[in-house]
Amino acid sequence: MTTISAVVATVLSLVAAMWTMLRAFERRTDARFDRVDAHFEKLENEMLDLRNELTDVKISIARLEGPRPRFELGTSR
């Protein structure tokens, strides 16, 4: 009977150790993904800022160039 209880105790301790290792791995992986998500969010915000700035530059250039010349039919001069 003591042999069976020793085997069961050993198996349970091994399972508990493996569970602890898996939880630690999961926490490290979650922390890594959180850092990557934060980095991507920062990049997305920078891209949005650049897109808005580019739009503002395009509008400014269009205002400097003035209206586009129009082709009028029926005038020979």
PDB file of N, CA and C in Angstrom:
ATOM      1  N   MET A   1       0.815  -1.196   0.000  1.00  0.00           N
ATOM      2  CA  MET A   1       0.000   0.000   0.000  1.00  0.00           C
ATOM      3  C   MET A   1       0.859   1.262   0.000  1.00  0.00           C
ATOM      4  N   THR A   2       1.962   1.226   0.688  1.00  0.00           N
ATOM      5  CA  THR A   2       2.823   2.405   0.713  1.00  0.00           C
ATOM      6  C   THR A   2       3.471   2.645  -0.633  1.00  0.00           C
ATOM      7  N   THR A   3       3.725   1.587  -1.399  1.00  0.00           N
ATOM      8  CA  THR A   3       4.303   1.742  -2.728  1.00  0.00           C
ATOM      9  C   THR A   3       3.318   2.442  -3.653  1.00  0.00           C
ATOM     10  N   ILE A   4       2.075   2.060  -3.583  1.00  0.00           N
ATOM     11  CA  ILE A   4       1.048   2.689  -4.427  1.00  0.00           C
ATOM     12  C   ILE A   4       0.903   4.160  -4.043  1.00  0.00           C
ATOM     13  N   SER A   5       0.868   4.450  -2.767  1.00  0.00           N
ATOM     14  CA  SER A   5       0.726   5.845  -2.353  1.00  0.00           C
ATOM     15  C   SER A   5       1.963   6.660  -2.723  1.00  0.00           C
ATOM     16  N   ALA A   6       3.141   6.040  -2.703  1.00  0.00           N
ATOM     17  CA  ALA A   6       4.361   6.741  -3.113  1.00  0.00           C
ATOM     18  C   ALA A   6       4.334   7.034  -4.606  1.00  0.00           C
ATOM     19  N   VAL A   7       3.872   6.080  -5.393  1.00  0.00           N
ATOM     20  CA  VAL A   7       3.771   6.276  -6.841  1.00  0.00           C
ATOM     21  C   VAL A   7       2.746   7.370  -7.145  1.00  0.00           C
ATOM     22  N   VAL A   8       1.606   7.322  -6.488  1.00  0.00           N
ATOM     23  CA  VAL A   8       0.570   8.339  -6.710  1.00  0.00           C
ATOM     24  C   VAL A   8       1.092   9.715  -6.303  1.00  0.00           C
ATOM     25  N   ALA A   9       1.783   9.795  -5.176  1.00  0.00           N
ATOM     26  CA  ALA A   9       2.331  11.076  -4.725  1.00  0.00           C
ATOM     27  C   ALA A   9       3.371  11.597  -5.716  1.00  0.00           C
ATOM     28  N   THR A  10       4.205  10.712  -6.246  1.00  0.00           N
ATOM     29  CA  THR A  10       5.214  11.116  -7.227  1.00  0.00           C
ATOM     30  C   THR A  10       4.557  11.616  -8.506  1.00  0.00           C
ATOM     31  N   VAL A  11       3.562  10.898  -8.984  1.00  0.00           N
ATOM     32  CA  VAL A  11       2.868  11.305 -10.204  1.00  0.00           C
ATOM     33  C   VAL A  11       2.178  12.649  -9.992  1.00  0.00           C
ATOM     34  N   LEU A  12       1.541  12.821  -8.854  1.00  0.00           N
ATOM     35  CA  LEU A  12       0.867  14.084  -8.576  1.00  0.00           C
ATOM     36  C   LEU A  12       1.861  15.236  -8.472  1.00  0.00           C
ATOM     37  N   SER A  13       3.008  15.003  -7.876  1.00  0.00           N
ATOM     38  CA  SER A  13       4.006  16.068  -7.780  1.00  0.00           C
ATOM     39  C   SER A  13       4.567  16.413  -9.154  1.00  0.00           C
ATOM     40  N   LEU A  14       4.750  15.405 -10.010  1.00  0.00           N
ATOM     41  CA  LEU A  14       5.209  15.673 -11.381  1.00  0.00           C
ATOM     42  C   LEU A  14       4.170  16.463 -12.164  1.00  0.00           C
ATOM     43  N   VAL A  15       2.909  16.114 -12.021  1.00  0.00           N
ATOM     44  CA  VAL A  15       1.843  16.838 -12.701  1.00  0.00           C
ATOM     45  C   VAL A  15       1.781  18.277 -12.198  1.00  0.00           C
ATOM     46  N   ALA A  16       1.924  18.464 -10.898  1.00  0.00           N
ATOM     47  CA  ALA A  16       1.902  19.814 -10.330  1.00  0.00           C
ATOM     48  C   ALA A  16       3.092  20.629 -10.844  1.00  0.00           C
ATOM     49  N   ALA A  17       4.265  20.008 -10.942  1.00  0.00           N
ATOM     50  CA  ALA A  17       5.440  20.712 -11.450  1.00  0.00           C
ATOM     51  C   ALA A  17       5.254  21.092 -12.911  1.00  0.00           C
ATOM     52  N   MET A  18       4.702  20.174 -13.706  1.00  0.00           N
ATOM     53  CA  MET A  18       4.457  20.479 -15.113  1.00  0.00           C
ATOM     54  C   MET A  18       3.419  21.596 -15.249  1.00  0.00           C
ATOM     55  N   TRP A  19       2.388  21.559 -14.431  1.00  0.00           N
ATOM     56  CA  TRP A  19       1.361  22.595 -14.458  1.00  0.00           C
ATOM     57  C   TRP A  19       1.965  23.956 -14.122  1.00  0.00           C
ATOM     58  N   THR A  20       2.839  23.983 -13.125  1.00  0.00           N
ATOM     59  CA  THR A  20       3.497  25.234 -12.738  1.00  0.00           C
ATOM     60  C   THR A  20       4.361  25.754 -13.876  1.00  0.00           C
ATOM     61  N   MET A  21       5.084  24.871 -14.545  1.00  0.00           N
ATOM     62  CA  MET A  21       5.925  25.289 -15.675  1.00  0.00           C
ATOM     63  C   MET A  21       5.071  25.812 -16.818  1.00  0.00           C
ATOM     64  N   LEU A  22       3.961  25.152 -17.087  1.00  0.00           N
ATOM     65  CA  LEU A  22       3.079  25.609 -18.165  1.00  0.00           C
ATOM     66  C   LEU A  22       2.475  26.976 -17.850  1.00  0.00           C
ATOM     67  N   ARG A  23       2.087  27.201 -16.606  1.00  0.00           N
ATOM     68  CA  ARG A  23       1.532  28.504 -16.215  1.00  0.00           C
ATOM     69  C   ARG A  23       2.586  29.609 -16.360  1.00  0.00           C
ATOM     70  N   ALA A  24       3.833  29.309 -15.975  1.00  0.00           N
ATOM     71  CA  ALA A  24       4.914  30.296 -16.111  1.00  0.00           C
ATOM     72  C   ALA A  24       5.148  30.607 -17.586  1.00  0.00           C
ATOM     73  N   PHE A  25       5.138  29.570 -18.423  1.00  0.00           N
ATOM     74  CA  PHE A  25       5.314  29.776 -19.863  1.00  0.00           C
ATOM     75  C   PHE A  25       4.179  30.628 -20.421  1.00  0.00           C
ATOM     76  N   GLU A  26       2.961  30.353 -19.968  1.00  0.00           N
ATOM     77  CA  GLU A  26       1.809  31.117 -20.440  1.00  0.00           C
ATOM     78  C   GLU A  26       1.921  32.590 -20.027  1.00  0.00           C
ATOM     79  N   ARG A  27       2.353  32.845 -18.800  1.00  0.00           N
ATOM     80  CA  ARG A  27       2.513  34.233 -18.356  1.00  0.00           C
ATOM     81  C   ARG A  27       3.571  34.962 -19.168  1.00  0.00           C
ATOM     82  N   ARG A  28       4.704  34.282 -19.446  1.00  0.00           N
ATOM     83  CA  ARG A  28       5.755  34.914 -20.259  1.00  0.00           C
ATOM     84  C   ARG A  28       5.260  35.178 -21.675  1.00  0.00           C
ATOM     85  N   THR A  29       4.545  34.220 -22.236  1.00  0.00           N
ATOM     86  CA  THR A  29       4.018  34.382 -23.590  1.00  0.00           C
ATOM     87  C   THR A  29       2.998  35.518 -23.642  1.00  0.00           C
ATOM     88  N   ASP A  30       2.122  35.591 -22.653  1.00  0.00           N
ATOM     89  CA  ASP A  30       1.142  36.675 -22.612  1.00  0.00           C
ATOM     90  C   ASP A  30       1.824  38.031 -22.505  1.00  0.00           C
ATOM     91  N   ALA A  31       2.859  38.114 -21.679  1.00  0.00           N
ATOM     92  CA  ALA A  31       3.584  39.375 -21.533  1.00  0.00           C
ATOM     93  C   ALA A  31       4.237  39.769 -22.856  1.00  0.00           C
ATOM     94  N   ARG A  32       4.794  38.781 -23.557  1.00  0.00           N
ATOM     95  CA  ARG A  32       5.423  39.047 -24.852  1.00  0.00           C
ATOM     96  C   ARG A  32       4.399  39.557 -25.858  1.00  0.00           C
ATOM     97  N   PHE A  33       3.248  38.891 -25.928  1.00  0.00           N
ATOM     98  CA  PHE A  33       2.207  39.321 -26.857  1.00  0.00           C
ATOM     99  C   PHE A  33       1.682  40.712 -26.502  1.00  0.00           C
ATOM    100  N   ASP A  34       1.588  41.013 -25.210  1.00  0.00           N
ATOM    101  CA  ASP A  34       1.158  42.352 -24.808  1.00  0.00           C
ATOM    102  C   ASP A  34       2.133  43.409 -25.298  1.00  0.00           C
ATOM    103  N   ARG A  35       3.438  43.125 -25.198  1.00  0.00           N
ATOM    104  CA  ARG A  35       4.438  44.087 -25.690  1.00  0.00           C
ATOM    105  C   ARG A  35       4.338  44.248 -27.200  1.00  0.00           C
ATOM    106  N   VAL A  36       4.141  43.149 -27.920  1.00  0.00           N
ATOM    107  CA  VAL A  36       4.016  43.222 -29.385  1.00  0.00           C
ATOM    108  C   VAL A  36       2.752  43.990 -29.767  1.00  0.00           C
ATOM    109  N   ASP A  37       1.649  43.733 -29.065  1.00  0.00           N
ATOM    110  CA  ASP A  37       0.407  44.462 -29.339  1.00  0.00           C
ATOM    111  C   ASP A  37       0.580  45.959 -29.107  1.00  0.00           C
ATOM    112  N   ALA A  38       1.265  46.317 -28.033  1.00  0.00           N
ATOM    113  CA  ALA A  38       1.506  47.738 -27.753  1.00  0.00           C
ATOM    114  C   ALA A  38       2.358  48.365 -28.852  1.00  0.00           C
ATOM    115  N   HIS A  39       3.351  47.607 -29.332  1.00  0.00           N
ATOM    116  CA  HIS A  39       4.212  48.123 -30.403  1.00  0.00           C
ATOM    117  C   HIS A  39       3.404  48.332 -31.686  1.00  0.00           C
ATOM    118  N   PHE A  40       2.556  47.358 -32.045  1.00  0.00           N
ATOM    119  CA  PHE A  40       1.729  47.502 -33.240  1.00  0.00           C
ATOM    120  C   PHE A  40       0.746  48.659 -33.105  1.00  0.00           C
ATOM    121  N   GLU A  41       0.196  48.845 -31.923  1.00  0.00           N
ATOM    122  CA  GLU A  41      -0.724  49.962 -31.711  1.00  0.00           C
ATOM    123  C   GLU A  41       0.001  51.291 -31.899  1.00  0.00           C
ATOM    124  N   LYS A  42       1.230  51.364 -31.408  1.00  0.00           N
ATOM    125  CA  LYS A  42       2.030  52.576 -31.592  1.00  0.00           C
ATOM    126  C   LYS A  42       2.297  52.821 -33.076  1.00  0.00           C
ATOM    127  N   LEU A  43       2.652  51.766 -33.805  1.00  0.00           N
ATOM    128  CA  LEU A  43       2.901  51.909 -35.246  1.00  0.00           C
ATOM    129  C   LEU A  43       1.638  52.326 -35.991  1.00  0.00           C
ATOM    130  N   GLU A  44       0.500  51.759 -35.624  1.00  0.00           N
ATOM    131  CA  GLU A  44      -0.753  52.136 -36.269  1.00  0.00           C
ATOM    132  C   GLU A  44      -1.071  53.605 -36.030  1.00  0.00           C
ATOM    133  N   ASN A  45      -0.835  54.081 -34.816  1.00  0.00           N
ATOM    134  CA  ASN A  45      -1.075  55.494 -34.519  1.00  0.00           C
ATOM    135  C   ASN A  45      -0.133  56.390 -35.313  1.00  0.00           C
ATOM    136  N   GLU A  46       1.124  55.974 -35.436  1.00  0.00           N
ATOM    137  CA  GLU A  46       2.076  56.759 -36.230  1.00  0.00           C
ATOM    138  C   GLU A  46       1.664  56.792 -37.698  1.00  0.00           C
ATOM    139  N   MET A  47       1.203  55.658 -38.228  1.00  0.00           N
ATOM    140  CA  MET A  47       0.750  55.618 -39.620  1.00  0.00           C
ATOM    141  C   MET A  47      -0.467  56.516 -39.821  1.00  0.00           C
ATOM    142  N   LEU A  48      -1.383  56.518 -38.877  1.00  0.00           N
ATOM    143  CA  LEU A  48      -2.563  57.380 -38.972  1.00  0.00           C
ATOM    144  C   LEU A  48      -2.153  58.847 -38.950  1.00  0.00           C
ATOM    145  N   ASP A  49      -1.207  59.193 -38.071  1.00  0.00           N
ATOM    146  CA  ASP A  49      -0.718  60.571 -38.026  1.00  0.00           C
ATOM    147  C   ASP A  49      -0.062  60.965 -39.343  1.00  0.00           C
ATOM    148  N   LEU A  50       0.741  60.051 -39.902  1.00  0.00           N
ATOM    149  CA  LEU A  50       1.400  60.341 -41.182  1.00  0.00           C
ATOM    150  C   LEU A  50       0.385  60.497 -42.310  1.00  0.00           C
ATOM    151  N   ARG A  51      -0.632  59.648 -42.307  1.00  0.00           N
ATOM    152  CA  ARG A  51      -1.671  59.733 -43.340  1.00  0.00           C
ATOM    153  C   ARG A  51      -2.399  61.069 -43.250  1.00  0.00           C
ATOM    154  N   ASN A  52      -2.721  61.491 -42.032  1.00  0.00           N
ATOM    155  CA  ASN A  52      -3.404  62.782 -41.859  1.00  0.00           C
ATOM    156  C   ASN A  52      -2.502  63.938 -42.282  1.00  0.00           C
ATOM    157  N   GLU A  53      -1.230  63.837 -41.940  1.00  0.00           N
ATOM    158  CA  GLU A  53      -0.288  64.893 -42.324  1.00  0.00           C
ATOM    159  C   GLU A  53      -0.128  64.940 -43.843  1.00  0.00           C
ATOM    160  N   LEU A  54      -0.070  63.778 -44.478  1.00  0.00           N
ATOM    161  CA  LEU A  54       0.041  63.738 -45.931  1.00  0.00           C
ATOM    162  C   LEU A  54      -1.193  64.348 -46.590  1.00  0.00           C
ATOM    163  N   THR A  55      -2.356  64.078 -46.043  1.00  0.00           N
ATOM    164  CA  THR A  55      -3.583  64.677 -46.574  1.00  0.00           C
ATOM    165  C   THR A  55      -3.530  66.195 -46.459  1.00  0.00           C
ATOM    166  N   ASP A  56      -3.053  66.680 -45.316  1.00  0.00           N
ATOM    167  CA  ASP A  56      -2.935  68.129 -45.134  1.00  0.00           C
ATOM    168  C   ASP A  56      -1.957  68.729 -46.136  1.00  0.00           C
ATOM    169  N   VAL A  57      -0.856  68.029 -46.399  1.00  0.00           N
ATOM    170  CA  VAL A  57       0.131  68.523 -47.374  1.00  0.00           C
ATOM    171  C   VAL A  57      -0.478  68.545 -48.775  1.00  0.00           C
ATOM    172  N   LYS A  58      -1.218  67.504 -49.134  1.00  0.00           N
ATOM    173  CA  LYS A  58      -1.854  67.465 -50.450  1.00  0.00           C
ATOM    174  C   LYS A  58      -2.836  68.630 -50.613  1.00  0.00           C
ATOM    175  N   ILE A  59      -3.608  68.892 -49.581  1.00  0.00           N
ATOM    176  CA  ILE A  59      -4.564  70.001 -49.648  1.00  0.00           C
ATOM    177  C   ILE A  59      -3.830  71.326 -49.786  1.00  0.00           C
ATOM    178  N   SER A  60      -2.741  71.498 -49.046  1.00  0.00           N
ATOM    179  CA  SER A  60      -1.966  72.742 -49.129  1.00  0.00           C
ATOM    180  C   SER A  60      -1.376  72.935 -50.515  1.00  0.00           C
ATOM    181  N   ILE A  61      -0.853  71.880 -51.107  1.00  0.00           N
ATOM    182  CA  ILE A  61      -0.284  71.976 -52.457  1.00  0.00           C
ATOM    183  C   ILE A  61      -1.370  72.312 -53.464  1.00  0.00           C
ATOM    184  N   ALA A  62      -2.528  71.685 -53.325  1.00  0.00           N
ATOM    185  CA  ALA A  62      -3.637  71.966 -54.243  1.00  0.00           C
ATOM    186  C   ALA A  62      -4.064  73.424 -54.138  1.00  0.00           C
ATOM    187  N   ARG A  63      -4.060  73.968 -52.942  1.00  0.00           N
ATOM    188  CA  ARG A  63      -4.429  75.376 -52.776  1.00  0.00           C
ATOM    189  C   ARG A  63      -3.387  76.296 -53.401  1.00  0.00           C
ATOM    190  N   LEU A  64      -2.103  75.917 -53.296  1.00  0.00           N
ATOM    191  CA  LEU A  64      -1.048  76.733 -53.899  1.00  0.00           C
ATOM    192  C   LEU A  64      -1.115  76.699 -55.420  1.00  0.00           C
ATOM    193  N   GLU A  65      -1.450  75.549 -55.971  1.00  0.00           N
ATOM    194  CA  GLU A  65      -1.509  75.411 -57.431  1.00  0.00           C
ATOM    195  C   GLU A  65      -2.726  76.111 -58.012  1.00  0.00           C
ATOM    196  N   GLY A  66      -3.748  76.269 -57.247  1.00  0.00           N
ATOM    197  CA  GLY A  66      -4.954  76.910 -57.743  1.00  0.00           C
ATOM    198  C   GLY A  66      -5.849  75.919 -58.462  1.00  0.00           C
ATOM    199  N   PRO A  67      -6.954  76.420 -59.013  1.00  0.00           N
ATOM    200  CA  PRO A  67      -7.875  75.507 -59.696  1.00  0.00           C
ATOM    201  C   PRO A  67      -7.260  74.976 -60.984  1.00  0.00           C
ATOM    202  N   ARG A  68      -7.679  73.816 -61.372  1.00  0.00           N
ATOM    203  CA  ARG A  68      -7.186  73.205 -62.609  1.00  0.00           C
ATOM    204  C   ARG A  68      -7.769  73.929 -63.807  1.00  0.00           C
ATOM    205  N   PRO A  69      -6.973  74.093 -64.855  1.00  0.00           N
ATOM    206  CA  PRO A  69      -7.518  74.721 -66.064  1.00  0.00           C
ATOM    207  C   PRO A  69      -8.593  73.805 -66.685  1.00  0.00           C
ATOM    208  N   ARG A  70      -9.616  74.450 -67.204  1.00  0.00           N
ATOM    209  CA  ARG A  70     -10.714  73.677 -67.786  1.00  0.00           C
ATOM    210  C   ARG A  70     -10.677  73.802 -69.285  1.00  0.00           C
ATOM    211  N   PHE A  71     -11.009  72.771 -69.939  1.00  0.00           N
ATOM    212  CA  PHE A  71     -11.062  72.742 -71.389  1.00  0.00           C
ATOM    213  C   PHE A  71     -12.464  73.186 -71.808  1.00  0.00           C
ATOM    214  N   GLU A  72     -12.503  74.299 -72.536  1.00  0.00           N
ATOM    215  CA  GLU A  72     -13.799  74.810 -72.950  1.00  0.00           C
ATOM    216  C   GLU A  72     -13.984  74.562 -74.443  1.00  0.00           C
ATOM    217  N   LEU A  73     -15.062  73.958 -74.779  1.00  0.00           N
ATOM    218  CA  LEU A  73     -15.365  73.687 -76.173  1.00  0.00           C
ATOM    219  C   LEU A  73     -15.994  74.908 -76.820  1.00  0.00           C
ATOM    220  N   GLY A  74     -15.686  75.123 -78.072  1.00  0.00           N
ATOM    221  CA  GLY A  74     -16.323  76.185 -78.812  1.00  0.00           C
ATOM    222  C   GLY A  74     -15.545  77.484 -78.808  1.00  0.00           C
ATOM    223  N   THR A  75     -14.431  77.529 -78.174  1.00  0.00           N
ATOM    224  CA  THR A  75     -13.634  78.761 -78.205  1.00  0.00           C
ATOM    225  C   THR A  75     -12.361  78.497 -78.973  1.00  0.00           C
ATOM    226  N   SER A  76     -12.049  79.394 -79.887  1.00  0.00           N
ATOM    227  CA  SER A  76     -10.852  79.183 -80.692  1.00  0.00           C
ATOM    228  C   SER A  76      -9.706  80.037 -80.208  1.00  0.00           C
ATOM    229  N   ARG A  77      -9.944  80.912 -79.266  1.00  0.00           N
ATOM    230  CA  ARG A  77      -8.866  81.803 -78.821  1.00  0.00           C
ATOM    231  C   ARG A  77      -8.162  81.290 -77.636  1.00  0.00           C
TER     232      ARG A  77
END
